[in-house]
Amino acid sequence: MEQYTFERLWQELDNGYQIYYTYMNNRYLLTKLQSNCYSRELITEKEKNPHPKKLIVTLKSVKETFPYMEDIEYRV
């Protein structure tokens, strides 16, 4: 099976895909808004969750998180 790379993730975001992934036992949706601007939305609903529901992040932040992303899926 082919290794899923950050470059592929970045290209799929550029092509308009929405990326779902698991990070620290939480499910997120990642969407590109504009150049170097991404929306990270918390999908998992837990009663006591310290993570923000919506967050605007840079490509650098996405790249730092990428090695820890699990169960990556994408949708158009």
PDB file of N, CA and C in Angstrom:
ATOM      1  N   MET A   1       0.844  -1.185   0.000  1.00  0.00           N
ATOM      2  CA  MET A   1       0.000   0.000   0.000  1.00  0.00           C
ATOM      3  C   MET A   1       0.889   1.248   0.000  1.00  0.00           C
ATOM      4  N   GLU A   2       0.483   2.232  -0.744  1.00  0.00           N
ATOM      5  CA  GLU A   2       1.250   3.475  -0.876  1.00  0.00           C
ATOM      6  C   GLU A   2       1.196   4.301   0.405  1.00  0.00           C
ATOM      7  N   GLN A   3       2.336   4.876   0.764  1.00  0.00           N
ATOM      8  CA  GLN A   3       2.427   5.748   1.944  1.00  0.00           C
ATOM      9  C   GLN A   3       1.696   7.067   1.664  1.00  0.00           C
ATOM     10  N   TYR A   4       0.819   7.478   2.562  1.00  0.00           N
ATOM     11  CA  TYR A   4       0.113   8.747   2.412  1.00  0.00           C
ATOM     12  C   TYR A   4       1.039   9.857   2.886  1.00  0.00           C
ATOM     13  N   THR A   5       1.377  10.773   1.983  1.00  0.00           N
ATOM     14  CA  THR A   5       2.361  11.812   2.283  1.00  0.00           C
ATOM     15  C   THR A   5       1.699  13.158   2.548  1.00  0.00           C
ATOM     16  N   PHE A   6       2.453  14.046   3.167  1.00  0.00           N
ATOM     17  CA  PHE A   6       1.960  15.396   3.395  1.00  0.00           C
ATOM     18  C   PHE A   6       1.716  16.115   2.067  1.00  0.00           C
ATOM     19  N   GLU A   7       2.584  15.874   1.084  1.00  0.00           N
ATOM     20  CA  GLU A   7       2.424  16.510  -0.224  1.00  0.00           C
ATOM     21  C   GLU A   7       1.098  16.126  -0.873  1.00  0.00           C
ATOM     22  N   ARG A   8       0.698  14.857  -0.709  1.00  0.00           N
ATOM     23  CA  ARG A   8      -0.587  14.412  -1.255  1.00  0.00           C
ATOM     24  C   ARG A   8      -1.741  15.091  -0.514  1.00  0.00           C
ATOM     25  N   LEU A   9      -1.649  15.159   0.802  1.00  0.00           N
ATOM     26  CA  LEU A   9      -2.674  15.850   1.597  1.00  0.00           C
ATOM     27  C   LEU A   9      -2.807  17.298   1.141  1.00  0.00           C
ATOM     28  N   TRP A  10      -1.680  17.962   0.989  1.00  0.00           N
ATOM     29  CA  TRP A  10      -1.665  19.369   0.579  1.00  0.00           C
ATOM     30  C   TRP A  10      -2.300  19.540  -0.803  1.00  0.00           C
ATOM     31  N   GLN A  11      -1.972  18.651  -1.737  1.00  0.00           N
ATOM     32  CA  GLN A  11      -2.535  18.713  -3.088  1.00  0.00           C
ATOM     33  C   GLN A  11      -4.048  18.473  -3.065  1.00  0.00           C
ATOM     34  N   GLU A  12      -4.500  17.528  -2.263  1.00  0.00           N
ATOM     35  CA  GLU A  12      -5.937  17.259  -2.166  1.00  0.00           C
ATOM     36  C   GLU A  12      -6.682  18.450  -1.568  1.00  0.00           C
ATOM     37  N   LEU A  13      -6.087  19.123  -0.590  1.00  0.00           N
ATOM     38  CA  LEU A  13      -6.696  20.337  -0.042  1.00  0.00           C
ATOM     39  C   LEU A  13      -6.750  21.429  -1.112  1.00  0.00           C
ATOM     40  N   ASP A  14      -5.676  21.570  -1.901  1.00  0.00           N
ATOM     41  CA  ASP A  14      -5.649  22.549  -3.001  1.00  0.00           C
ATOM     42  C   ASP A  14      -6.719  22.259  -4.045  1.00  0.00           C
ATOM     43  N   ASN A  15      -7.038  20.970  -4.233  1.00  0.00           N
ATOM     44  CA  ASN A  15      -8.034  20.570  -5.228  1.00  0.00           C
ATOM     45  C   ASN A  15      -9.465  20.629  -4.693  1.00  0.00           C
ATOM     46  N   GLY A  16      -9.635  21.129  -3.477  1.00  0.00           N
ATOM     47  CA  GLY A  16     -10.978  21.337  -2.937  1.00  0.00           C
ATOM     48  C   GLY A  16     -11.527  20.216  -2.086  1.00  0.00           C
ATOM     49  N   TYR A  17     -10.719  19.218  -1.790  1.00  0.00           N
ATOM     50  CA  TYR A  17     -11.192  18.132  -0.939  1.00  0.00           C
ATOM     51  C   TYR A  17     -11.242  18.581   0.520  1.00  0.00           C
ATOM     52  N   GLN A  18     -12.164  17.968   1.258  1.00  0.00           N
ATOM     53  CA  GLN A  18     -12.223  18.139   2.700  1.00  0.00           C
ATOM     54  C   GLN A  18     -11.607  16.888   3.308  1.00  0.00           C
ATOM     55  N   ILE A  19     -10.751  17.060   4.284  1.00  0.00           N
ATOM     56  CA  ILE A  19     -10.023  15.940   4.882  1.00  0.00           C
ATOM     57  C   ILE A  19     -10.545  15.695   6.299  1.00  0.00           C
ATOM     58  N   TYR A  20     -10.989  14.462   6.541  1.00  0.00           N
ATOM     59  CA  TYR A  20     -11.379  14.033   7.879  1.00  0.00           C
ATOM     60  C   TYR A  20     -10.235  13.216   8.456  1.00  0.00           C
ATOM     61  N   TYR A  21      -9.919  13.431   9.721  1.00  0.00           N
ATOM     62  CA  TYR A  21      -8.848  12.662  10.356  1.00  0.00           C
ATOM     63  C   TYR A  21      -9.062  12.604  11.859  1.00  0.00           C
ATOM     64  N   THR A  22      -8.366  11.661  12.489  1.00  0.00           N
ATOM     65  CA  THR A  22      -8.395  11.502  13.936  1.00  0.00           C
ATOM     66  C   THR A  22      -7.058  11.970  14.493  1.00  0.00           C
ATOM     67  N   TYR A  23      -7.122  12.780  15.545  1.00  0.00           N
ATOM     68  CA  TYR A  23      -5.935  13.298  16.208  1.00  0.00           C
ATOM     69  C   TYR A  23      -6.230  13.372  17.701  1.00  0.00           C
ATOM     70  N   MET A  24      -5.430  12.702  18.497  1.00  0.00           N
ATOM     71  CA  MET A  24      -5.617  12.659  19.953  1.00  0.00           C
ATOM     72  C   MET A  24      -7.041  12.232  20.333  1.00  0.00           C
ATOM     73  N   ASN A  25      -7.511  11.154  19.718  1.00  0.00           N
ATOM     74  CA  ASN A  25      -8.834  10.567  19.970  1.00  0.00           C
ATOM     75  C   ASN A  25      -9.996  11.479  19.635  1.00  0.00           C
ATOM     76  N   ASN A  26      -9.768  12.506  18.836  1.00  0.00           N
ATOM     77  CA  ASN A  26     -10.829  13.393  18.376  1.00  0.00           C
ATOM     78  C   ASN A  26     -10.865  13.369  16.853  1.00  0.00           C
ATOM     79  N   ARG A  27     -12.059  13.494  16.273  1.00  0.00           N
ATOM     80  CA  ARG A  27     -12.238  13.509  14.821  1.00  0.00           C
ATOM     81  C   ARG A  27     -12.341  14.961  14.377  1.00  0.00           C
ATOM     82  N   TYR A  28     -11.609  15.310  13.307  1.00  0.00           N
ATOM     83  CA  TYR A  28     -11.565  16.675  12.790  1.00  0.00           C
ATOM     84  C   TYR A  28     -11.881  16.705  11.302  1.00  0.00           C
ATOM     85  N   LEU A  29     -12.307  17.873  10.838  1.00  0.00           N
ATOM     86  CA  LEU A  29     -12.503  18.156   9.423  1.00  0.00           C
ATOM     87  C   LEU A  29     -11.582  19.310   9.066  1.00  0.00           C
ATOM     88  N   LEU A  30     -10.747  19.104   8.043  1.00  0.00           N
ATOM     89  CA  LEU A  30      -9.796  20.109   7.595  1.00  0.00           C
ATOM     90  C   LEU A  30     -10.181  20.570   6.202  1.00  0.00           C
ATOM     91  N   THR A  31     -10.293  21.885   6.010  1.00  0.00           N
ATOM     92  CA  THR A  31     -10.696  22.471   4.738  1.00  0.00           C
ATOM     93  C   THR A  31      -9.809  23.662   4.422  1.00  0.00           C
ATOM     94  N   LYS A  32      -9.434  23.804   3.161  1.00  0.00           N
ATOM     95  CA  LYS A  32      -8.646  24.968   2.759  1.00  0.00           C
ATOM     96  C   LYS A  32      -9.589  26.137   2.502  1.00  0.00           C
ATOM     97  N   LEU A  33      -9.307  27.289   3.101  1.00  0.00           N
ATOM     98  CA  LEU A  33     -10.116  28.490   2.904  1.00  0.00           C
ATOM     99  C   LEU A  33      -9.517  29.376   1.815  1.00  0.00           C
ATOM    100  N   GLN A  34      -8.218  29.619   1.908  1.00  0.00           N
ATOM    101  CA  GLN A  34      -7.477  30.386   0.916  1.00  0.00           C
ATOM    102  C   GLN A  34      -6.003  30.077   1.098  1.00  0.00           C
ATOM    103  N   SER A  35      -5.133  30.750   0.366  1.00  0.00           N
ATOM    104  CA  SER A  35      -3.706  30.454   0.441  1.00  0.00           C
ATOM    105  C   SER A  35      -3.200  30.557   1.883  1.00  0.00           C
ATOM    106  N   ASN A  36      -2.588  29.483   2.378  1.00  0.00           N
ATOM    107  CA  ASN A  36      -2.020  29.399   3.725  1.00  0.00           C
ATOM    108  C   ASN A  36      -3.048  29.630   4.843  1.00  0.00           C
ATOM    109  N   CYS A  37      -4.298  29.302   4.582  1.00  0.00           N
ATOM    110  CA  CYS A  37      -5.363  29.498   5.567  1.00  0.00           C
ATOM    111  C   CYS A  37      -6.316  28.300   5.516  1.00  0.00           C
ATOM    112  N   TYR A  38      -6.393  27.573   6.628  1.00  0.00           N
ATOM    113  CA  TYR A  38      -7.184  26.349   6.688  1.00  0.00           C
ATOM    114  C   TYR A  38      -8.114  26.385   7.892  1.00  0.00           C
ATOM    115  N   SER A  39      -9.251  25.721   7.746  1.00  0.00           N
ATOM    116  CA  SER A  39     -10.218  25.616   8.827  1.00  0.00           C
ATOM    117  C   SER A  39     -10.134  24.206   9.400  1.00  0.00           C
ATOM    118  N   ARG A  40      -9.959  24.106  10.717  1.00  0.00           N
ATOM    119  CA  ARG A  40      -9.952  22.815  11.406  1.00  0.00           C
ATOM    120  C   ARG A  40     -11.147  22.800  12.339  1.00  0.00           C
ATOM    121  N   GLU A  41     -12.099  21.907  12.066  1.00  0.00           N
ATOM    122  CA  GLU A  41     -13.338  21.836  12.841  1.00  0.00           C
ATOM    123  C   GLU A  41     -13.399  20.520  13.605  1.00  0.00           C
ATOM    124  N   LEU A  42     -13.680  20.608  14.887  1.00  0.00           N
ATOM    125  CA  LEU A  42     -13.814  19.431  15.743  1.00  0.00           C
ATOM    126  C   LEU A  42     -15.157  18.766  15.458  1.00  0.00           C
ATOM    127  N   ILE A  43     -15.118  17.499  15.053  1.00  0.00           N
ATOM    128  CA  ILE A  43     -16.336  16.754  14.735  1.00  0.00           C
ATOM    129  C   ILE A  43     -16.807  15.959  15.951  1.00  0.00           C
ATOM    130  N   THR A  44     -15.874  15.449  16.744  1.00  0.00           N
ATOM    131  CA  THR A  44     -16.183  14.641  17.919  1.00  0.00           C
ATOM    132  C   THR A  44     -16.871  15.507  18.977  1.00  0.00           C
ATOM    133  N   GLU A  45     -17.979  15.016  19.477  1.00  0.00           N
ATOM    134  CA  GLU A  45     -18.688  15.726  20.546  1.00  0.00           C
ATOM    135  C   GLU A  45     -18.472  14.985  21.856  1.00  0.00           C
ATOM    136  N   LYS A  46     -17.671  15.565  22.729  1.00  0.00           N
ATOM    137  CA  LYS A  46     -17.465  14.991  24.059  1.00  0.00           C
ATOM    138  C   LYS A  46     -17.858  16.039  25.089  1.00  0.00           C
ATOM    139  N   GLU A  47     -18.366  15.570  26.205  1.00  0.00           N
ATOM    140  CA  GLU A  47     -18.867  16.487  27.223  1.00  0.00           C
ATOM    141  C   GLU A  47     -17.777  17.420  27.754  1.00  0.00           C
ATOM    142  N   LYS A  48     -16.639  16.870  28.086  1.00  0.00           N
ATOM    143  CA  LYS A  48     -15.549  17.688  28.625  1.00  0.00           C
ATOM    144  C   LYS A  48     -14.380  17.640  27.654  1.00  0.00           C
ATOM    145  N   ASN A  49     -14.438  18.451  26.632  1.00  0.00           N
ATOM    146  CA  ASN A  49     -13.398  18.462  25.614  1.00  0.00           C
ATOM    147  C   ASN A  49     -12.739  19.838  25.591  1.00  0.00           C
ATOM    148  N   PRO A  50     -11.453  19.931  25.912  1.00  0.00           N
ATOM    149  CA  PRO A  50     -10.787  21.235  25.972  1.00  0.00           C
ATOM    150  C   PRO A  50     -10.412  21.809  24.606  1.00  0.00           C
ATOM    151  N   HIS A  51     -10.598  21.035  23.530  1.00  0.00           N
ATOM    152  CA  HIS A  51     -10.222  21.509  22.203  1.00  0.00           C
ATOM    153  C   HIS A  51     -11.275  22.462  21.633  1.00  0.00           C
ATOM    154  N   PRO A  52     -10.841  23.526  20.944  1.00  0.00           N
ATOM    155  CA  PRO A  52     -11.805  24.457  20.356  1.00  0.00           C
ATOM    156  C   PRO A  52     -12.603  23.797  19.234  1.00  0.00           C
ATOM    157  N   LYS A  53     -13.860  24.189  19.101  1.00  0.00           N
ATOM    158  CA  LYS A  53     -14.748  23.611  18.079  1.00  0.00           C
ATOM    159  C   LYS A  53     -14.276  23.968  16.668  1.00  0.00           C
ATOM    160  N   LYS A  54     -13.930  25.221  16.431  1.00  0.00           N
ATOM    161  CA  LYS A  54     -13.440  25.666  15.122  1.00  0.00           C
ATOM    162  C   LYS A  54     -12.178  26.478  15.326  1.00  0.00           C
ATOM    163  N   LEU A  55     -11.242  26.305  14.389  1.00  0.00           N
ATOM    164  CA  LEU A  55      -9.971  26.987  14.501  1.00  0.00           C
ATOM    165  C   LEU A  55      -9.451  27.274  13.097  1.00  0.00           C
ATOM    166  N   ILE A  56      -8.902  28.446  12.887  1.00  0.00           N
ATOM    167  CA  ILE A  56      -8.247  28.789  11.632  1.00  0.00           C
ATOM    168  C   ILE A  56      -6.752  28.563  11.849  1.00  0.00           C
ATOM    169  N   VAL A  57      -6.132  27.760  10.975  1.00  0.00           N
ATOM    170  CA  VAL A  57      -4.721  27.414  11.135  1.00  0.00           C
ATOM    171  C   VAL A  57      -3.959  27.678   9.845  1.00  0.00           C
ATOM    172  N   THR A  58      -2.637  27.727   9.963  1.00  0.00           N
ATOM    173  CA  THR A  58      -1.774  27.928   8.803  1.00  0.00           C
ATOM    174  C   THR A  58      -1.287  26.581   8.279  1.00  0.00           C
ATOM    175  N   LEU A  59      -0.669  26.605   7.113  1.00  0.00           N
ATOM    176  CA  LEU A  59      -0.100  25.392   6.537  1.00  0.00           C
ATOM    177  C   LEU A  59       0.972  24.808   7.455  1.00  0.00           C
ATOM    178  N   LYS A  60       1.735  25.650   8.115  1.00  0.00           N
ATOM    179  CA  LYS A  60       2.772  25.185   9.046  1.00  0.00           C
ATOM    180  C   LYS A  60       2.151  24.344  10.161  1.00  0.00           C
ATOM    181  N   SER A  61       1.027  24.779  10.699  1.00  0.00           N
ATOM    182  CA  SER A  61       0.335  24.040  11.748  1.00  0.00           C
ATOM    183  C   SER A  61      -0.168  22.697  11.229  1.00  0.00           C
ATOM    184  N   VAL A  62      -0.710  22.688  10.013  1.00  0.00           N
ATOM    185  CA  VAL A  62      -1.189  21.439   9.409  1.00  0.00           C
ATOM    186  C   VAL A  62      -0.009  20.477   9.237  1.00  0.00           C
ATOM    187  N   LYS A  63       1.117  21.000   8.768  1.00  0.00           N
ATOM    188  CA  LYS A  63       2.306  20.169   8.542  1.00  0.00           C
ATOM    189  C   LYS A  63       2.833  19.585   9.859  1.00  0.00           C
ATOM    190  N   GLU A  64       2.789  20.345  10.941  1.00  0.00           N
ATOM    191  CA  GLU A  64       3.242  19.858  12.246  1.00  0.00           C
ATOM    192  C   GLU A  64       2.322  18.774  12.804  1.00  0.00           C
ATOM    193  N   THR A  65       1.038  18.856  12.491  1.00  0.00           N
ATOM    194  CA  THR A  65       0.055  17.892  12.981  1.00  0.00           C
ATOM    195  C   THR A  65       0.045  16.613  12.148  1.00  0.00           C
ATOM    196  N   PHE A  66       0.415  16.712  10.865  1.00  0.00           N
ATOM    197  CA  PHE A  66       0.288  15.607   9.923  1.00  0.00           C
ATOM    198  C   PHE A  66       0.857  14.273  10.419  1.00  0.00           C
ATOM    199  N   PRO A  67       2.066  14.210  10.991  1.00  0.00           N
ATOM    200  CA  PRO A  67       2.594  12.905  11.416  1.00  0.00           C
ATOM    201  C   PRO A  67       1.738  12.186  12.465  1.00  0.00           C
ATOM    202  N   TYR A  68       0.873  12.896  13.130  1.00  0.00           N
ATOM    203  CA  TYR A  68       0.044  12.323  14.194  1.00  0.00           C
ATOM    204  C   TYR A  68      -1.399  12.073  13.761  1.00  0.00           C
ATOM    205  N   MET A  69      -1.722  12.399  12.506  1.00  0.00           N
ATOM    206  CA  MET A  69      -3.074  12.168  11.994  1.00  0.00           C
ATOM    207  C   MET A  69      -3.280  10.678  11.735  1.00  0.00           C
ATOM    208  N   GLU A  70      -4.462  10.180  12.093  1.00  0.00           N
ATOM    209  CA  GLU A  70      -4.820   8.783  11.867  1.00  0.00           C
ATOM    210  C   GLU A  70      -6.157   8.724  11.153  1.00  0.00           C
ATOM    211  N   ASP A  71      -6.452   7.593  10.535  1.00  0.00           N
ATOM    212  CA  ASP A  71      -7.742   7.345   9.862  1.00  0.00           C
ATOM    213  C   ASP A  71      -8.108   8.495   8.924  1.00  0.00           C
ATOM    214  N   ILE A  72      -7.207   8.865   8.038  1.00  0.00           N
ATOM    215  CA  ILE A  72      -7.430   9.985   7.121  1.00  0.00           C
ATOM    216  C   ILE A  72      -8.396   9.575   6.012  1.00  0.00           C
ATOM    217  N   GLU A  73      -9.434  10.378   5.815  1.00  0.00           N
ATOM    218  CA  GLU A  73     -10.405  10.202   4.736  1.00  0.00           C
ATOM    219  C   GLU A  73     -10.577  11.536   4.047  1.00  0.00           C
ATOM    220  N   TYR A  74     -10.964  11.520   2.783  1.00  0.00           N
ATOM    221  CA  TYR A  74     -11.244  12.790   2.125  1.00  0.00           C
ATOM    222  C   TYR A  74     -12.561  12.712   1.374  1.00  0.00           C
ATOM    223  N   ARG A  75     -13.198  13.864   1.230  1.00  0.00           N
ATOM    224  CA  ARG A  75     -14.467  13.988   0.518  1.00  0.00           C
ATOM    225  C   ARG A  75     -14.444  15.243  -0.320  1.00  0.00           C
ATOM    226  N   VAL A  76     -15.170  15.210  -1.416  1.00  0.00           N
ATOM    227  CA  VAL A  76     -15.230  16.355  -2.316  1.00  0.00           C
ATOM    228  C   VAL A  76     -16.190  17.379  -1.762  1.00  0.00           C
TER     229      VAL A  76
END
